[in-house]
Protein backbone atom coordinates (compact mmCIF):
# COMPACT_ATOMS: atom_id res chain seq x y z
CA MET A 1 0.00 0.00 0.00
CA THR A 2 1.27 3.45 -0.89
CA PRO A 3 2.16 5.41 2.28
CA SER A 4 0.03 8.47 2.92
CA VAL A 5 1.74 11.84 2.56
CA ALA A 6 0.49 15.21 3.77
CA VAL A 7 2.13 18.31 2.32
CA VAL A 8 1.56 20.98 4.95
CA ILE A 9 2.25 24.57 3.95
CA LEU A 10 2.52 26.92 6.91
CA ASN A 11 1.29 30.31 5.78
CA TYR A 12 1.58 33.77 7.26
CA ASN A 13 0.46 36.62 5.00
CA GLY A 14 1.72 34.67 2.01
CA LYS A 15 -1.05 35.11 -0.54
CA LYS A 16 1.44 36.23 -3.19
CA HIS A 17 3.49 33.07 -2.79
CA LEU A 18 0.42 30.84 -2.65
CA GLU A 19 -0.83 32.32 -5.92
CA GLN A 20 2.51 31.68 -7.58
CA PHE A 21 3.56 28.32 -6.20
CA LEU A 22 0.45 26.36 -5.20
CA PRO A 23 -0.17 25.30 -8.83
CA SER A 24 3.10 23.35 -8.90
CA VAL A 25 2.25 21.64 -5.60
CA MET A 26 -1.22 20.76 -6.87
CA ALA A 27 0.41 19.12 -9.90
CA SER A 28 2.37 16.66 -7.73
CA ASN A 29 1.76 13.14 -9.02
CA TYR A 30 2.05 11.16 -5.78
CA LEU A 31 -0.87 8.73 -5.46
CA ASN A 32 -1.78 8.97 -1.77
CA LEU A 33 -1.47 12.70 -1.17
CA LYS A 34 -3.31 15.46 0.62
CA ILE A 35 -2.36 19.12 0.59
CA ILE A 36 -3.03 21.32 3.60
CA VAL A 37 -2.55 25.01 4.21
CA ALA A 38 -2.02 25.76 7.89
CA ASP A 39 -2.57 29.46 8.47
CA ASN A 40 -0.63 31.12 11.25
CA GLY A 41 -2.94 34.06 11.90
CA SER A 42 -2.59 35.84 8.56
CA THR A 43 -4.02 39.31 8.22
CA ASP A 44 -4.15 39.28 4.42
CA ASN A 45 -6.82 37.32 2.51
CA SER A 46 -4.71 34.18 2.09
CA ILE A 47 -7.41 31.88 3.39
CA SER A 48 -10.19 33.27 1.21
CA PHE A 49 -7.90 32.97 -1.82
CA VAL A 50 -7.19 29.28 -1.14
CA THR A 51 -10.81 28.52 -0.31
CA ASP A 52 -12.09 30.16 -3.49
CA THR A 53 -9.39 28.90 -5.84
CA TYR A 54 -8.61 25.45 -4.43
CA PRO A 55 -11.72 24.26 -2.58
CA HIS A 56 -10.28 20.73 -2.18
CA ILE A 57 -7.32 21.98 -0.12
CA GLN A 58 -7.84 21.56 3.60
CA ILE A 59 -7.44 24.73 5.67
CA LEU A 60 -6.24 24.73 9.26
CA ASP A 61 -6.76 28.18 10.75
CA HIS A 62 -4.77 28.80 13.91
CA HIS A 63 -5.73 32.49 14.34
CA THR A 64 -2.40 33.07 16.14
CA ASN A 65 1.15 33.45 14.82
CA GLU A 66 3.30 31.09 16.87
CA GLY A 67 6.12 31.06 14.35
CA PHE A 68 7.43 28.10 12.39
CA ALA A 69 7.89 25.89 15.46
CA GLY A 70 4.63 26.53 17.27
CA GLY A 71 2.61 26.75 14.07
CA TYR A 72 3.72 23.36 12.78
CA ASN A 73 3.37 21.75 16.19
CA TRP A 74 -0.24 22.92 16.32
CA ALA A 75 -1.00 21.93 12.73
CA LEU A 76 0.60 18.48 12.73
CA GLN A 77 -1.34 17.45 15.80
CA ARG A 78 -4.36 17.72 13.51
CA VAL A 79 -2.99 15.88 10.46
CA GLU A 80 -3.04 12.12 10.00
CA ALA A 81 -0.49 10.71 7.55
CA ASP A 82 2.47 8.36 7.43
CA TYR A 83 4.73 11.19 6.29
CA TYR A 84 4.58 14.94 6.66
CA VAL A 85 6.17 17.28 4.14
CA LEU A 86 6.80 20.67 5.67
CA LEU A 87 6.87 23.00 2.69
CA ASN A 88 7.44 26.74 2.58
CA SER A 89 4.92 28.70 0.57
CA ASP A 90 7.70 30.10 -1.65
CA VAL A 91 8.87 26.76 -3.08
CA GLN A 92 8.29 25.55 -6.63
CA VAL A 93 8.24 21.77 -7.01
CA SER A 94 8.35 19.38 -9.94
CA ASN A 95 5.66 16.78 -10.67
CA ASP A 96 7.68 13.88 -9.30
CA TRP A 97 9.40 15.51 -6.31
CA ILE A 98 7.72 13.37 -3.63
CA ASN A 99 8.26 9.80 -4.88
CA PRO A 100 12.10 9.65 -4.66
CA VAL A 101 12.17 10.82 -1.05
CA ILE A 102 9.39 8.50 0.11
CA ASP A 103 11.02 5.58 -1.71
CA LEU A 104 14.28 6.31 0.13
CA MET A 105 12.59 6.54 3.53
CA GLU A 106 10.49 3.41 2.93
CA LYS A 107 13.64 1.38 2.23
CA ASP A 108 15.15 2.34 5.60
CA LYS A 109 12.76 2.77 8.51
CA THR A 110 15.49 4.39 10.61
CA ILE A 111 15.38 7.49 8.39
CA ALA A 112 13.37 10.04 10.35
CA ALA A 113 13.73 13.05 8.06
CA ALA A 114 15.02 13.89 4.61
CA GLN A 115 15.22 16.78 2.21
CA PRO A 116 15.39 17.19 -1.58
CA LYS A 117 18.09 19.13 -3.34
CA MET A 118 17.23 22.82 -3.02
CA ARG A 119 18.18 25.24 -5.75
CA SER A 120 17.55 28.96 -6.05
CA PHE A 121 14.31 29.93 -7.76
CA HIS A 122 15.82 33.16 -9.09
CA GLU A 123 19.19 31.61 -10.05
CA PRO A 124 18.44 27.94 -10.75
CA SER A 125 22.07 27.02 -11.42
CA LEU A 126 22.89 27.84 -7.78
CA PHE A 127 22.09 25.97 -4.59
CA GLU A 128 19.66 27.77 -2.31
CA TYR A 129 20.71 29.22 1.01
CA ALA A 130 18.13 27.54 3.26
CA GLY A 131 19.30 23.96 2.77
CA ALA A 132 21.17 23.45 -0.51
CA ALA A 133 21.98 19.72 -0.76
CA GLY A 134 21.68 18.93 2.94
CA GLY A 135 22.70 20.47 6.23
CA TRP A 136 25.90 19.95 8.22
CA ILE A 137 27.25 21.50 11.41
CA ASP A 138 30.74 22.14 12.74
CA TYR A 139 31.99 21.07 16.15
CA LEU A 140 31.22 24.52 17.60
CA GLY A 141 27.62 24.43 16.42
CA TYR A 142 27.76 26.63 13.30
CA PRO A 143 25.40 25.23 10.63
CA PHE A 144 26.28 25.13 6.94
CA SER A 145 25.20 23.04 3.97
CA ARG A 146 26.47 20.92 1.16
CA GLY A 147 26.61 23.66 -1.47
CA ARG A 148 26.22 26.67 0.86
CA VAL A 149 28.72 28.00 3.37
CA PHE A 150 27.68 31.22 5.12
CA ASP A 151 26.59 33.56 2.29
CA VAL A 152 28.30 31.69 -0.56
CA CYS A 153 25.94 29.48 -2.58
CA GLU A 154 27.78 27.19 -4.98
CA THR A 155 26.85 26.33 -8.54
CA ASP A 156 25.20 22.93 -8.83
CA GLU A 157 27.71 20.90 -10.82
CA GLU A 158 26.19 17.58 -9.70
CA GLN A 159 28.81 17.35 -6.96
CA PHE A 160 26.14 16.36 -4.45
CA ASN A 161 24.05 13.97 -6.52
CA GLN A 162 24.34 11.02 -4.13
CA SER A 163 21.97 10.31 -1.26
CA GLU A 164 23.96 10.76 1.95
CA ASN A 165 23.59 11.05 5.67
CA ILE A 166 23.40 14.67 6.78
CA PHE A 167 23.05 16.42 10.14
CA TRP A 168 19.89 18.42 9.43
CA ALA A 169 17.18 18.71 6.80
CA SER A 170 15.92 22.13 5.79
CA GLY A 171 12.56 23.19 7.14
CA ALA A 172 11.78 24.79 3.78
CA ALA A 173 11.12 21.35 2.27
CA MET A 174 11.38 18.78 5.04
CA PHE A 175 10.07 15.22 4.77
CA VAL A 176 9.39 13.79 8.24
CA ARG A 177 8.24 10.37 9.38
CA ALA A 178 5.09 11.31 11.30
CA SER A 179 5.53 8.76 14.07
CA VAL A 180 9.03 10.04 14.84
CA PHE A 181 7.94 13.67 14.75
CA HIS A 182 5.43 12.94 17.51
CA GLU A 183 7.86 10.68 19.37
CA MET A 184 10.23 13.67 19.54
CA LYS A 185 7.29 15.88 20.60
CA GLY A 186 7.82 18.02 17.53
CA PHE A 187 9.71 21.28 17.40
CA ASP A 188 10.76 23.19 20.47
CA PRO A 189 8.15 26.00 20.50
CA TYR A 190 10.52 28.27 22.45
CA PHE A 191 12.55 28.70 19.25
CA PHE A 192 9.61 30.38 17.43
CA ALA A 193 11.61 30.47 14.16
CA HIS A 194 15.15 29.69 12.97
CA GLN A 195 17.16 26.53 13.67
CA GLU A 196 14.25 24.62 15.19
CA GLU A 197 14.63 22.04 12.41
CA ILE A 198 18.33 21.62 13.25
CA ASP A 199 17.45 21.07 16.90
CA LEU A 200 14.80 18.50 15.92
CA CYS A 201 17.19 16.63 13.61
CA TRP A 202 19.86 16.62 16.33
CA ARG A 203 17.39 15.11 18.79
CA MET A 204 16.37 12.54 16.17
CA GLN A 205 19.99 11.47 15.73
CA LEU A 206 20.46 11.25 19.49
CA ALA A 207 17.45 8.88 19.51
CA GLY A 208 19.12 6.64 16.91
CA TYR A 209 17.52 7.88 13.68
CA LYS A 210 19.09 9.06 10.43
CA ILE A 211 18.67 12.28 8.47
CA MET A 212 19.19 12.03 4.72
CA ALA A 213 19.63 14.14 1.61
CA CYS A 214 17.79 12.89 -1.47
CA PRO A 215 19.14 14.84 -4.48
CA SER A 216 17.09 12.85 -7.01
CA SER A 217 14.26 15.12 -5.86
CA GLU A 218 14.68 18.83 -6.61
CA VAL A 219 12.80 21.93 -5.53
CA PHE A 220 13.36 25.64 -6.17
CA HIS A 221 13.14 28.04 -3.24
CA VAL A 222 12.75 31.81 -3.30
CA GLY A 223 13.96 32.24 0.29
CA GLY A 224 13.73 35.06 2.80
CA GLY A 225 9.98 35.31 2.45
CA THR A 226 8.82 34.76 6.03
CA LEU A 227 10.83 36.85 8.49
CA PRO A 228 12.55 39.97 7.14
CA ARG A 229 16.29 40.34 7.58
CA GLY A 230 17.16 42.54 10.52
CA GLY A 231 17.50 42.59 14.27
CA ARG A 232 14.76 40.07 15.02
CA LYS A 233 16.22 37.52 12.62
CA VAL A 234 19.74 37.96 14.03
CA PHE A 235 18.42 37.71 17.59
CA LEU A 236 16.60 34.43 16.93
CA ASN A 237 19.51 32.87 15.06
CA PHE A 238 22.07 33.60 17.79
CA ARG A 239 19.77 32.84 20.73
CA ASN A 240 18.38 29.62 19.27
CA ASN A 241 21.78 28.32 18.25
CA LEU A 242 23.06 28.65 21.80
CA ILE A 243 19.93 27.02 23.22
CA MET A 244 20.33 24.15 20.75
CA LEU A 245 23.90 23.56 21.90
CA ALA A 246 22.92 23.62 25.56
CA LYS A 247 20.09 21.14 24.98
CA ASN A 248 21.99 18.60 22.89
CA LEU A 249 25.66 18.67 23.87
CA PRO A 250 27.05 16.51 26.68
CA PHE A 251 27.96 18.73 29.64
CA THR A 252 31.64 17.86 29.21
CA GLU A 253 31.54 19.51 25.78
CA LEU A 254 29.18 22.32 26.70
CA VAL A 255 31.34 23.51 29.58
CA TRP A 256 34.05 24.72 27.19
CA LYS A 257 32.20 25.23 23.92
CA LEU A 258 29.65 27.61 25.38
CA PRO A 259 32.18 30.20 26.66
CA PHE A 260 34.08 29.92 23.37
CA ARG A 261 30.89 30.56 21.41
CA PHE A 262 30.08 33.59 23.57
CA PHE A 263 33.55 34.91 22.73
CA LEU A 264 33.14 34.34 18.97
CA ASP A 265 29.66 35.86 19.01
CA ALA A 266 31.04 38.91 20.81
CA ILE A 267 33.67 39.34 18.10
CA SER A 268 30.90 39.30 15.47
CA ALA A 269 28.88 41.82 17.47
CA TRP A 270 31.76 44.27 17.91
CA LYS A 271 32.74 43.92 14.27
CA GLY A 272 29.18 44.88 13.37
CA LEU A 273 29.25 47.87 15.69
CA LEU A 274 32.58 49.10 14.33
CA THR A 275 31.18 48.95 10.80
CA GLY A 276 28.14 50.98 11.84
CA ASP A 277 25.60 48.18 12.27
CA ILE A 278 24.30 48.95 15.74
CA TYR A 279 21.21 46.76 15.19
CA PHE A 280 23.38 43.68 14.61
CA PHE A 281 25.39 44.44 17.74
CA THR A 282 22.27 45.01 19.84
CA ALA A 283 20.56 41.85 18.53
CA ILE A 284 23.50 39.65 19.55
CA MET A 285 23.73 41.23 23.00
CA LYS A 286 19.99 40.69 23.48
CA ALA A 287 20.36 37.09 22.26
CA HIS A 288 23.06 36.45 24.87
CA MET A 289 20.90 37.91 27.64
CA ALA A 290 17.88 35.88 26.50
CA PHE A 291 19.94 32.70 26.35
CA SER A 292 21.36 33.35 29.82
CA TRP A 293 17.81 33.64 31.18
CA TRP A 294 16.81 30.42 29.39
CA PHE A 295 19.87 28.66 30.82
CA LEU A 296 19.14 29.76 34.37
CA THR A 297 15.44 28.88 34.24
CA ARG A 298 15.25 25.87 31.91
CA TYR A 299 18.57 24.12 31.38
CA TRP A 300 18.87 22.42 34.74
CA SER A 301 15.48 20.73 34.44
CA ALA A 302 16.03 19.58 30.84
CA PRO A 303 17.05 15.97 30.02
CA LYS A 304 20.81 15.55 29.67
CA VAL A 305 22.57 13.73 26.83
CA SER A 306 25.78 11.71 26.76
CA ILE A 307 26.46 11.11 23.06
CA PRO A 308 29.48 13.13 21.80
CA MET A 309 28.75 15.44 18.90
CA LEU A 310 31.40 13.87 16.65
CA GLU A 311 29.65 10.49 16.83
CA LEU A 312 26.75 11.88 14.80
CA ASN A 313 26.46 12.12 11.01
CA GLY A 314 27.08 15.40 9.21
CA VAL A 315 29.46 16.91 11.79
CA PHE A 316 32.66 18.65 10.66
CA GLY A 317 35.35 18.13 13.29
CA GLY A 318 36.94 21.52 12.63
CA SER A 319 35.82 25.13 12.55
CA VAL A 320 33.88 26.34 9.53
CA VAL A 321 34.44 29.92 10.76
CA TRP A 322 38.23 29.48 10.75
CA ASN A 323 38.25 27.85 7.33
CA TYR A 324 35.91 30.36 5.73
CA PHE A 325 37.15 33.65 7.16
CA ILE A 326 40.83 32.94 7.86
CA ARG A 327 41.81 30.23 5.38
CA ASN A 328 39.51 31.63 2.67
CA LYS A 329 37.88 28.28 1.90
CA LYS A 330 34.40 29.00 0.56
CA ARG A 331 33.20 25.64 -0.79
CA PHE A 332 31.81 22.76 1.21
CA LEU A 333 34.08 20.02 -0.13
CA GLU A 334 37.30 21.98 0.35
CA ILE A 335 36.29 22.75 3.94
CA ILE A 336 35.39 19.23 5.07
CA SER A 337 38.55 17.85 3.45
CA THR A 338 40.68 19.91 5.87
CA LYS A 339 41.75 18.70 9.30
CA GLY A 340 40.80 21.75 11.34
């Protein structure tokens, strides 16, 4: 029997994207498929557009914007399927984008999440920032991707055309085994947005599951369409990354990595201030204060882990910051081939 798949598009004031990209999703040729729009309290007329134009699409109306993490947690409690596909509203898909990923996950029941190859909608020859060909992380907790390191997106030259274990799958087009999503109790709602999918994938690996890249499926992502660049985005990225480390690192690693990360973050903040970006500086300082409050109030009651980071898939044992900024290595393969 063909496994059931639910493509769930979390929407917040995204009528423009729904108008442009829903037709490609509706053309998906998977046999046992339902498409759902979960609205996160939009104030535009997204819902009326979907209802009038696509009456067969199920609408879940939350009335409240709880971000990516809280919105999907709420929605997926109300969706029954063997697999969820978490899809951003600004993603164009091909007709046969679902089958290769489900085939891969059906062959190995220990695969909890997977992602297709993600290329840029506006520059299709390039990998897309949000996930490229699958997410990795360095030993200090800085995320990067096969095909995207910091702001450099590589040209797709078929260098990542093999299915491989990765550390995290992009939330922009994330296939998740429903039973494992609920076993993990979903995303951490405290994150609101940014890096909640990395945290979830880390917890999945700690529980013994795999995360995979499936490049035989391709999607094209616009990117940057949900939360505008600026202080709020910087704040969430820095705060959530530190929370993720505190939650998932063994204490023996956390005790030295956390102070080192505070030091590196401070360097970034002061560099921003010296170049005139006071909002960047302020956002990082606020992120550190917010993390410190989280640590004091939540860390000590959280479950502790014992699995070293380097025992997981998709972890670079060196520093991506050092290789990128000091050694001037900008491409994924040249970075992971180094020894530090």
